[in-house]
Amino acid sequence: MPGAPYRLAMPVPSTPLIVPSVLPADFARLGEEVAALEKAGVDRIQWDVMDGRFVPNLTFGPDVIAACRPHASVTFEAHLMVEEPDTLLPRYVEAGCEVVIVHAEACRHLHRTLGRIAELGARPAVALNPATPADAVGHVLDLVELVLVMTVNPGFGGQDYIAAMEPKIGEVARRIDASGRTIDLEVDGGIAPATVAGAVAAGANVLVAGSALYRDPGGLEHAVADLRARAEAARA
């Protein structure tokens, strides 16, 4: 199994969490889509915020997220794939995002940015693009509650999972273990029934899925349950 050599000696912080990306949802009825995801049993919902500069796509502003917030009680996380995220942080927290993820590549002063997220009352998190080494988070683990390892290059949904990221997932997992802190390790990109086991075996405990959930012929509830069962089996 790819990634198996990188399995942690100690268990990851919590049972596997299933977090849908709403990129494949029907944007004309996002409130209903968010409610349907919660009903399907997801653990939280990720908003892929893209600015057309850091990544070649445009998606959700804070007003859209705020309009959807009353439709679900699960945690919202904002994945800010944007340049200069510092100026946007208050808006996304005010919109109802309890977790805010910034990219290490986009932050000139990463410590300051993560500290600001915490000051605003949200959970600070940091993301790494595929080409960014695990070392980039080595000196901020005392500030974050989640590390996201991208298993695709960000910007578009529906991309193929980059299995070569599993050693990096394992390296980040070992760093988290050595820190002695409870920090979630999230993966995002190409997570599907065929790829979830490798990501979990490498050390991930939070799984972001988009296209795989929405294209499941059994519907969202079946898709969420299937991914969760596969993730739990990979940890057994």
Protein backbone atom coordinates (compact mmCIF):
# COMPACT_ATOMS: atom_id res chain seq x y z
CA MET A 1 0.00 0.00 0.00
CA PRO A 2 1.48 3.40 -0.93
CA GLY A 3 2.40 5.38 2.16
CA ALA A 4 2.41 2.38 4.50
CA PRO A 5 6.10 2.86 5.46
CA TYR A 6 5.19 6.27 6.85
CA ARG A 7 2.52 5.09 9.33
CA LEU A 8 2.78 6.80 12.71
CA ALA A 9 3.81 4.76 15.72
CA MET A 10 1.23 6.70 17.75
CA PRO A 11 -2.36 7.24 16.59
CA VAL A 12 -3.30 10.51 14.93
CA PRO A 13 -5.21 12.93 17.17
CA SER A 14 -8.78 11.85 16.42
CA THR A 15 -10.89 9.48 14.39
CA PRO A 16 -10.94 10.30 10.65
CA LEU A 17 -13.05 13.31 9.76
CA ILE A 18 -14.82 13.74 6.42
CA VAL A 19 -14.86 17.33 5.19
CA PRO A 20 -16.55 18.11 1.88
CA SER A 21 -15.46 20.86 -0.44
CA VAL A 22 -18.45 22.68 -1.87
CA LEU A 23 -16.73 23.39 -5.20
CA PRO A 24 -18.80 20.73 -7.04
CA ALA A 25 -22.07 21.92 -5.47
CA ASP A 26 -24.82 23.78 -7.30
CA PHE A 27 -23.88 27.41 -6.67
CA ALA A 28 -27.44 28.52 -7.41
CA ARG A 29 -28.66 26.69 -4.29
CA LEU A 30 -25.69 26.71 -1.96
CA GLY A 31 -27.76 27.04 1.20
CA GLU A 32 -29.65 23.86 0.37
CA GLU A 33 -26.41 22.12 -0.61
CA VAL A 34 -24.81 22.97 2.73
CA ALA A 35 -27.85 21.66 4.59
CA ALA A 36 -27.73 18.45 2.55
CA LEU A 37 -24.06 17.93 3.41
CA GLU A 38 -24.76 18.26 7.11
CA LYS A 39 -27.65 15.82 6.82
CA ALA A 40 -25.31 13.38 5.06
CA GLY A 41 -23.15 13.25 8.20
CA VAL A 42 -20.09 15.34 7.33
CA ASP A 43 -17.87 16.58 10.15
CA ARG A 44 -17.37 20.07 8.80
CA ILE A 45 -17.54 21.94 5.48
CA GLN A 46 -14.65 23.53 3.59
CA TRP A 47 -14.95 26.70 1.55
CA ASP A 48 -12.24 26.90 -1.12
CA VAL A 49 -11.62 30.63 -1.37
CA MET A 50 -9.72 31.53 -4.54
CA ASP A 51 -8.72 34.99 -5.72
CA GLY A 52 -7.59 34.45 -9.32
CA ARG A 53 -4.07 35.48 -8.34
CA PHE A 54 -2.61 32.90 -5.96
CA VAL A 55 -4.53 30.27 -7.95
CA PRO A 56 -6.09 30.59 -11.42
CA ASN A 57 -9.73 30.59 -10.33
CA LEU A 58 -12.33 32.72 -8.51
CA THR A 59 -14.81 31.30 -6.01
CA PHE A 60 -16.46 32.44 -2.78
CA GLY A 61 -16.45 35.76 -1.04
CA PRO A 62 -17.34 36.15 2.64
CA ASP A 63 -20.87 37.35 1.91
CA VAL A 64 -21.70 34.05 0.16
CA ILE A 65 -20.41 32.06 3.11
CA ALA A 66 -22.28 34.27 5.59
CA ALA A 67 -25.50 33.69 3.65
CA CYS A 68 -25.00 29.92 3.93
CA ARG A 69 -24.01 29.90 7.60
CA PRO A 70 -27.61 29.68 8.95
CA HIS A 71 -28.25 26.55 6.88
CA ALA A 72 -25.88 24.27 8.83
CA SER A 73 -24.49 23.96 12.35
CA VAL A 74 -21.31 22.04 11.48
CA THR A 75 -17.97 23.83 11.54
CA PHE A 76 -17.05 25.90 8.49
CA GLU A 77 -13.41 26.10 7.45
CA ALA A 78 -12.10 28.70 5.00
CA HIS A 79 -9.21 27.50 2.86
CA LEU A 80 -7.76 30.83 1.75
CA MET A 81 -5.94 30.24 -1.54
CA VAL A 82 -5.26 33.95 -1.86
CA GLU A 83 -2.42 36.40 -1.95
CA GLU A 84 -2.14 38.75 1.04
CA PRO A 85 -4.65 36.87 3.22
CA ASP A 86 -4.12 39.12 6.24
CA THR A 87 -6.50 41.80 4.99
CA LEU A 88 -9.26 39.22 4.47
CA LEU A 89 -9.07 37.35 7.77
CA PRO A 90 -11.68 39.36 9.72
CA ARG A 91 -14.28 39.05 6.96
CA TYR A 92 -14.12 35.28 6.81
CA VAL A 93 -14.21 34.88 10.57
CA GLU A 94 -17.19 37.24 10.71
CA ALA A 95 -18.83 35.16 7.96
CA GLY A 96 -18.84 32.18 10.32
CA CYS A 97 -15.65 30.26 9.52
CA GLU A 98 -14.34 28.70 12.74
CA VAL A 99 -11.20 27.32 11.06
CA VAL A 100 -9.07 29.54 8.80
CA ILE A 101 -6.36 27.97 6.66
CA VAL A 102 -3.68 30.12 5.06
CA HIS A 103 -0.94 29.02 2.70
CA ALA A 104 2.63 29.18 3.91
CA GLU A 105 3.60 30.30 0.40
CA ALA A 106 1.28 33.33 0.57
CA CYS A 107 2.27 34.69 3.99
CA ARG A 108 5.25 37.01 4.31
CA HIS A 109 5.05 36.83 8.10
CA LEU A 110 3.43 33.47 8.79
CA HIS A 111 3.71 33.72 12.59
CA ARG A 112 1.93 37.07 12.57
CA THR A 113 -0.84 35.82 10.28
CA LEU A 114 -1.50 32.72 12.37
CA GLY A 115 -1.48 34.80 15.55
CA ARG A 116 -4.01 37.16 14.02
CA ILE A 117 -6.37 34.29 13.21
CA ALA A 118 -6.25 33.21 16.84
CA GLU A 119 -6.85 36.80 18.01
CA LEU A 120 -9.98 36.88 15.86
CA GLY A 121 -11.28 33.81 17.68
CA ALA A 122 -10.80 31.22 14.94
CA ARG A 123 -8.62 28.10 14.80
CA PRO A 124 -5.36 28.86 12.94
CA ALA A 125 -4.25 26.44 10.24
CA VAL A 126 -1.55 26.33 7.57
CA ALA A 127 -1.50 24.68 4.14
CA LEU A 128 1.37 23.44 1.98
CA ASN A 129 1.33 23.17 -1.80
CA PRO A 130 2.75 19.95 -3.28
CA ALA A 131 6.17 21.44 -4.03
CA THR A 132 6.51 23.04 -0.59
CA PRO A 133 8.55 20.92 1.85
CA ALA A 134 7.32 19.84 5.26
CA ASP A 135 10.06 22.03 6.80
CA ALA A 136 7.86 25.06 6.07
CA VAL A 137 5.65 24.25 9.07
CA GLY A 138 8.41 23.11 11.41
CA HIS A 139 8.52 26.39 13.33
CA VAL A 140 4.79 27.18 13.51
CA LEU A 141 3.41 23.99 15.03
CA ASP A 142 3.08 25.80 18.35
CA LEU A 143 0.60 28.18 16.69
CA VAL A 144 -1.63 25.94 14.59
CA GLU A 145 -4.45 23.50 15.22
CA LEU A 146 -4.37 21.98 11.73
CA VAL A 147 -1.85 21.40 8.95
CA LEU A 148 -3.16 20.83 5.44
CA VAL A 149 -1.01 18.93 2.93
CA MET A 150 -2.29 19.52 -0.59
CA THR A 151 -2.37 16.36 -2.71
CA VAL A 152 -3.11 18.35 -5.87
CA ASN A 153 -1.95 21.74 -7.05
CA PRO A 154 -4.68 24.10 -5.83
CA GLY A 155 -7.04 26.00 -8.08
CA PHE A 156 -9.49 23.48 -9.50
CA GLY A 157 -11.59 20.57 -8.30
CA GLY A 158 -11.61 17.13 -9.85
CA GLN A 159 -7.85 16.69 -10.14
CA ASP A 160 -5.99 13.41 -9.70
CA TYR A 161 -4.47 12.58 -6.32
CA ILE A 162 -0.67 12.92 -6.21
CA ALA A 163 0.38 9.77 -4.37
CA ALA A 164 3.95 11.05 -4.19
CA MET A 165 2.75 13.38 -1.42
CA GLU A 166 2.29 10.49 1.01
CA PRO A 167 5.89 10.60 2.28
CA LYS A 168 5.40 14.32 2.99
CA ILE A 169 2.15 13.57 4.84
CA GLY A 170 4.15 11.10 6.91
CA GLU A 171 6.88 13.64 7.59
CA VAL A 172 4.37 16.24 8.76
CA ALA A 173 2.67 13.59 10.91
CA ARG A 174 5.94 12.75 12.63
CA ARG A 175 6.61 16.43 13.29
CA ILE A 176 3.16 16.78 14.83
CA ASP A 177 3.75 13.70 16.96
CA ALA A 178 7.09 15.08 18.16
CA SER A 179 5.51 18.43 19.04
CA GLY A 180 3.36 16.79 21.70
CA ARG A 181 0.37 18.87 20.60
CA THR A 182 -3.02 17.77 19.30
CA ILE A 183 -2.96 19.02 15.72
CA ASP A 184 -5.16 17.73 12.92
CA LEU A 185 -3.44 16.64 9.69
CA GLU A 186 -5.68 17.30 6.71
CA VAL A 187 -5.26 16.24 3.08
CA ASP A 188 -7.05 17.86 0.17
CA GLY A 189 -7.03 16.84 -3.47
CA GLY A 190 -8.20 13.74 -5.28
CA ILE A 191 -9.51 12.05 -2.13
CA ALA A 192 -11.79 9.23 -3.24
CA PRO A 193 -12.52 5.60 -2.37
CA ALA A 194 -9.38 4.48 -4.22
CA THR A 195 -7.03 6.99 -2.55
CA VAL A 196 -8.28 7.50 0.99
CA ALA A 197 -6.40 4.51 2.44
CA GLY A 198 -3.00 5.79 1.31
CA ALA A 199 -3.59 9.23 2.80
CA VAL A 200 -4.77 7.82 6.13
CA ALA A 201 -1.96 5.24 6.29
CA ALA A 202 0.52 8.08 5.81
CA GLY A 203 -0.90 9.88 8.85
CA ALA A 204 -3.84 12.04 7.78
CA ASN A 205 -6.92 12.22 9.99
CA VAL A 206 -8.96 14.87 8.15
CA LEU A 207 -10.00 14.12 4.57
CA VAL A 208 -11.30 16.77 2.20
CA ALA A 209 -13.34 15.36 -0.67
CA GLY A 210 -15.34 17.09 -3.36
CA SER A 211 -15.96 15.39 -6.68
CA ALA A 212 -15.91 11.90 -5.16
CA LEU A 213 -18.80 12.77 -2.86
CA TYR A 214 -20.95 14.42 -5.47
CA ARG A 215 -20.50 11.80 -8.18
CA ASP A 216 -21.33 8.81 -5.96
CA PRO A 217 -24.42 7.18 -7.51
CA GLY A 218 -25.60 6.24 -4.02
CA GLY A 219 -25.86 9.89 -3.00
CA LEU A 220 -24.08 12.05 -0.45
CA GLU A 221 -24.96 10.00 2.62
CA HIS A 222 -23.60 6.83 1.05
CA ALA A 223 -20.48 8.63 -0.17
CA VAL A 224 -19.69 10.05 3.27
CA ALA A 225 -20.28 6.73 5.01
CA ASP A 226 -18.16 4.86 2.46
CA LEU A 227 -15.20 7.23 2.78
CA ARG A 228 -15.43 7.15 6.55
CA ALA A 229 -15.49 3.33 6.63
CA ARG A 230 -12.49 3.12 4.30
CA ALA A 231 -10.58 5.66 6.40
CA GLU A 232 -11.32 3.80 9.63
CA ALA A 233 -10.29 0.50 8.02
CA ALA A 234 -6.98 2.04 6.93
CA ARG A 235 -6.26 3.01 10.53
CA ALA A 236 -7.19 -0.39 11.98
